[in-house]
Amino acid sequence: MKQIRLLAAALALAATTLPAAAQQLSLGALSNYLNSLTTAQAEFTQINADGTISTGTIFIKRPGRARFEYNPPEQTLVLASAGQLAIFDAKSNTGPEQYPLERTPLNLILARNVDLTRNNMVVGQSYDGTATTVTAQDPENPQYGNIQLTFTANPTELRQWVITDDAGQQTTVILGELRRGGSISDRNFSIVAEVDSRNR
């Protein structure tokens, strides 16, 4: 689950430049924002559970798809697609590590229909005068861990997340400017296509 922890760290870095906001965002408004996030990309900084830092670029195509490209010297690629989370390590020739996406907290924001108002979905919510933070989990499977999402307002924007995995390890991901919209080819998220290209 090492790379899952890496994912979370990258998103958390974006919160270092939070603009001032005047109100706490409601769970309904945050759900609407996430559901409107069809395609997006951003630079990210990831703080790993062991304190190391990675950087890279994230591409999102909801529902269900994400691509984390890590900058050198990191040689990792993480793809979420077709219900799977695949971690490619350039130093390994045994193929990617794969996990069911639904067993990771990342699935909560990549789901087709995000509903943070669902019973027992959000287990924590706070507002510090600038940012609204919610902690969400799979209500039916809290043992999978949780994801803490931080948003600013005017306009609403996802700034960071912290994933706590099923082993209690935390990864923080801080987002740079989130560039929404545009076309991203499905091939960029294809685990099968990535495996094939590496086996040529």
Protein backbone atom coordinates (compact mmCIF):
# COMPACT_ATOMS: atom_id res chain seq x y z
CA MET A 1 0.00 0.00 0.00
CA LYS A 2 3.08 2.21 -0.12
CA GLN A 3 2.06 4.02 -3.27
CA ILE A 4 -1.49 4.54 -2.04
CA ARG A 5 0.05 6.42 0.86
CA LEU A 6 2.15 8.35 -1.66
CA LEU A 7 -0.98 9.42 -3.49
CA ALA A 8 -2.47 11.08 -0.50
CA ALA A 9 0.65 13.03 0.29
CA ALA A 10 0.76 14.72 -3.05
CA LEU A 11 -2.64 16.30 -2.70
CA ALA A 12 -1.97 17.82 0.69
CA LEU A 13 0.70 20.22 -0.48
CA ALA A 14 -1.72 22.53 -2.28
CA ALA A 15 -2.98 23.97 0.94
CA THR A 16 0.09 26.11 1.44
CA THR A 17 -1.45 28.93 -0.59
CA LEU A 18 -5.03 28.96 0.61
CA PRO A 19 -6.95 32.13 -0.24
CA ALA A 20 -9.19 33.77 2.32
CA ALA A 21 -12.79 32.59 2.39
CA ALA A 22 -15.73 33.85 4.38
CA GLN A 23 -17.89 30.79 4.98
CA GLN A 24 -17.93 27.11 5.76
CA LEU A 25 -18.95 25.07 2.74
CA SER A 26 -21.91 22.70 3.12
CA LEU A 27 -21.65 18.97 2.40
CA GLY A 28 -24.18 19.42 -0.41
CA ALA A 29 -22.10 22.14 -2.05
CA LEU A 30 -18.94 20.04 -1.75
CA SER A 31 -20.71 17.03 -3.27
CA ASN A 32 -21.89 19.17 -6.18
CA TYR A 33 -18.36 20.49 -6.70
CA LEU A 34 -16.82 17.02 -6.80
CA ASN A 35 -19.52 15.73 -9.14
CA SER A 36 -18.86 18.66 -11.50
CA LEU A 37 -15.16 17.81 -11.60
CA THR A 38 -15.10 15.75 -14.80
CA THR A 39 -11.55 16.33 -16.09
CA ALA A 40 -8.77 18.15 -14.28
CA GLN A 41 -5.03 18.23 -13.81
CA ALA A 42 -2.63 19.79 -11.33
CA GLU A 43 0.90 19.69 -10.05
CA PHE A 44 1.09 18.04 -6.65
CA THR A 45 3.38 17.56 -3.69
CA GLN A 46 3.04 14.40 -1.68
CA ILE A 47 4.19 13.91 1.89
CA ASN A 48 4.62 10.25 2.58
CA ALA A 49 4.09 8.40 5.85
CA ASP A 50 7.86 8.14 6.36
CA GLY A 51 8.31 11.91 5.93
CA THR A 52 9.75 11.77 2.42
CA ILE A 53 8.38 14.11 -0.24
CA SER A 54 7.47 13.37 -3.85
CA THR A 55 6.20 15.68 -6.58
CA GLY A 56 4.43 15.14 -9.87
CA THR A 57 1.32 15.77 -11.93
CA ILE A 58 -2.14 14.33 -11.38
CA PHE A 59 -4.74 13.86 -14.12
CA ILE A 60 -8.35 13.15 -13.17
CA LYS A 61 -11.16 11.94 -15.38
CA ARG A 62 -14.23 11.16 -13.38
CA PRO A 63 -15.79 8.79 -12.81
CA GLY A 64 -13.20 6.28 -11.76
CA ARG A 65 -9.98 7.41 -13.42
CA ALA A 66 -6.83 9.12 -12.18
CA ARG A 67 -3.19 9.17 -13.21
CA PHE A 68 -0.31 10.16 -10.91
CA GLU A 69 2.94 10.83 -12.78
CA TYR A 70 5.84 11.25 -10.36
CA ASN A 71 8.84 13.42 -11.13
CA PRO A 72 12.41 12.01 -11.11
CA PRO A 73 14.11 10.58 -9.18
CA GLU A 74 10.81 8.85 -8.35
CA GLN A 75 10.12 6.20 -10.99
CA THR A 76 6.52 5.46 -10.12
CA LEU A 77 3.28 5.73 -12.06
CA VAL A 78 -0.08 5.18 -10.37
CA LEU A 79 -3.23 4.58 -12.42
CA ALA A 80 -6.83 4.29 -11.27
CA SER A 81 -9.03 2.74 -13.95
CA ALA A 82 -11.59 0.00 -14.53
CA GLY A 83 -12.15 -0.44 -10.81
CA GLN A 84 -8.46 -1.04 -10.09
CA LEU A 85 -5.58 0.94 -8.63
CA ALA A 86 -2.29 -0.06 -10.28
CA ILE A 87 1.18 0.97 -9.10
CA PHE A 88 3.95 0.74 -11.70
CA ASP A 89 7.55 0.73 -10.48
CA ALA A 90 10.14 1.20 -13.24
CA LYS A 91 12.62 -0.86 -11.20
CA SER A 92 10.32 -3.88 -11.21
CA ASN A 93 9.75 -6.25 -14.12
CA THR A 94 6.94 -8.21 -12.47
CA GLY A 95 4.10 -5.94 -13.54
CA PRO A 96 2.13 -3.48 -11.44
CA GLU A 97 0.83 -3.99 -7.92
CA GLN A 98 -2.97 -3.85 -8.15
CA TYR A 99 -5.72 -3.26 -5.61
CA PRO A 100 -9.49 -2.94 -5.98
CA LEU A 101 -10.17 0.80 -6.17
CA GLU A 102 -13.24 0.41 -3.97
CA ARG A 103 -10.96 -0.73 -1.15
CA THR A 104 -9.09 2.59 -1.14
CA PRO A 105 -10.33 5.95 0.19
CA LEU A 106 -9.47 7.50 -3.20
CA ASN A 107 -12.59 5.80 -4.55
CA LEU A 108 -14.74 8.20 -2.52
CA ILE A 109 -13.89 11.16 -4.77
CA LEU A 110 -13.67 9.21 -8.03
CA ALA A 111 -17.11 7.64 -7.62
CA ARG A 112 -19.73 8.38 -10.27
CA ASN A 113 -21.99 10.02 -7.73
CA VAL A 114 -20.32 11.60 -4.69
CA ASP A 115 -22.80 12.19 -1.86
CA LEU A 116 -21.11 13.47 1.27
CA THR A 117 -24.53 13.84 2.95
CA ARG A 118 -25.00 10.07 2.98
CA ASN A 119 -25.37 8.60 6.47
CA ASN A 120 -22.01 7.88 8.11
CA MET A 121 -20.07 9.01 5.03
CA VAL A 122 -18.59 12.10 6.71
CA VAL A 123 -17.15 11.42 10.16
CA GLY A 124 -15.63 14.85 10.72
CA GLN A 125 -16.08 18.43 9.49
CA SER A 126 -14.30 21.62 10.50
CA TYR A 127 -13.73 25.19 9.38
CA ASP A 128 -10.73 27.33 10.32
CA GLY A 129 -11.96 30.63 8.92
CA THR A 130 -10.28 29.95 5.59
CA ALA A 131 -10.82 26.33 4.59
CA THR A 132 -13.48 23.67 5.09
CA THR A 133 -12.16 20.20 5.91
CA VAL A 134 -14.23 17.01 5.83
CA THR A 135 -13.19 13.48 6.70
CA ALA A 136 -15.03 10.83 4.68
CA GLN A 137 -15.12 7.05 4.70
CA ASP A 138 -17.01 4.25 3.03
CA PRO A 139 -20.01 3.91 5.38
CA GLU A 140 -20.25 0.20 4.69
CA ASN A 141 -16.52 -0.49 4.96
CA PRO A 142 -14.87 1.92 7.43
CA GLN A 143 -11.99 -0.54 7.76
CA TYR A 144 -10.73 0.61 4.34
CA GLY A 145 -9.54 3.89 5.88
CA ASN A 146 -10.60 7.46 5.23
CA ILE A 147 -9.82 10.56 3.22
CA GLN A 148 -9.63 14.07 4.68
CA LEU A 149 -10.44 16.68 2.05
CA THR A 150 -9.68 20.39 2.35
CA PHE A 151 -11.53 22.97 0.25
CA THR A 152 -11.46 26.73 -0.08
CA ALA A 153 -14.36 28.89 -1.29
CA ASN A 154 -15.02 31.72 -3.76
CA PRO A 155 -14.71 29.73 -5.97
CA THR A 156 -14.87 26.29 -4.35
CA GLU A 157 -11.62 24.43 -4.95
CA LEU A 158 -10.06 21.21 -3.69
CA ARG A 159 -6.70 22.07 -2.16
CA GLN A 160 -5.44 18.92 -0.49
CA TRP A 161 -6.28 15.53 0.89
CA VAL A 162 -4.87 13.20 3.49
CA ILE A 163 -5.46 9.49 3.06
CA THR A 164 -5.35 7.23 6.08
CA ASP A 165 -5.11 3.68 4.75
CA ASP A 166 -6.28 0.41 6.25
CA ALA A 167 -3.01 0.12 8.18
CA GLY A 168 -3.34 3.59 9.71
CA GLN A 169 -0.56 5.08 7.55
CA GLN A 170 -1.12 8.64 6.33
CA THR A 171 -0.23 10.22 3.00
CA THR A 172 -0.82 13.90 2.30
CA VAL A 173 -1.32 15.30 -1.19
CA ILE A 174 -1.18 19.06 -1.73
CA LEU A 175 -2.49 20.37 -5.04
CA GLY A 176 -1.23 23.28 -7.05
CA GLU A 177 -3.64 25.16 -9.30
CA LEU A 178 -6.34 22.74 -10.41
CA ARG A 179 -6.92 23.22 -14.13
CA ARG A 180 -10.41 21.97 -14.89
CA GLY A 181 -11.89 20.89 -18.20
CA GLY A 182 -10.25 19.89 -21.45
CA SER A 183 -9.93 16.53 -23.13
CA ILE A 184 -7.79 13.72 -21.70
CA SER A 185 -7.56 10.51 -23.69
CA ASP A 186 -8.86 7.38 -21.97
CA ARG A 187 -5.62 5.65 -22.99
CA ASN A 188 -3.75 7.74 -20.41
CA PHE A 189 -5.61 5.81 -17.71
CA SER A 190 -5.54 2.33 -19.25
CA ILE A 191 -3.72 -0.17 -17.06
CA VAL A 192 -3.74 -2.74 -19.87
CA ALA A 193 -2.24 -0.26 -22.38
CA GLU A 194 0.48 0.71 -19.89
CA VAL A 195 1.37 -2.94 -19.26
CA ASP A 196 1.52 -3.59 -23.00
CA SER A 197 3.76 -0.58 -23.68
CA ARG A 198 6.20 -1.69 -20.98
CA ASN A 199 6.35 -5.22 -22.33
CA ARG A 200 7.35 -4.23 -25.86
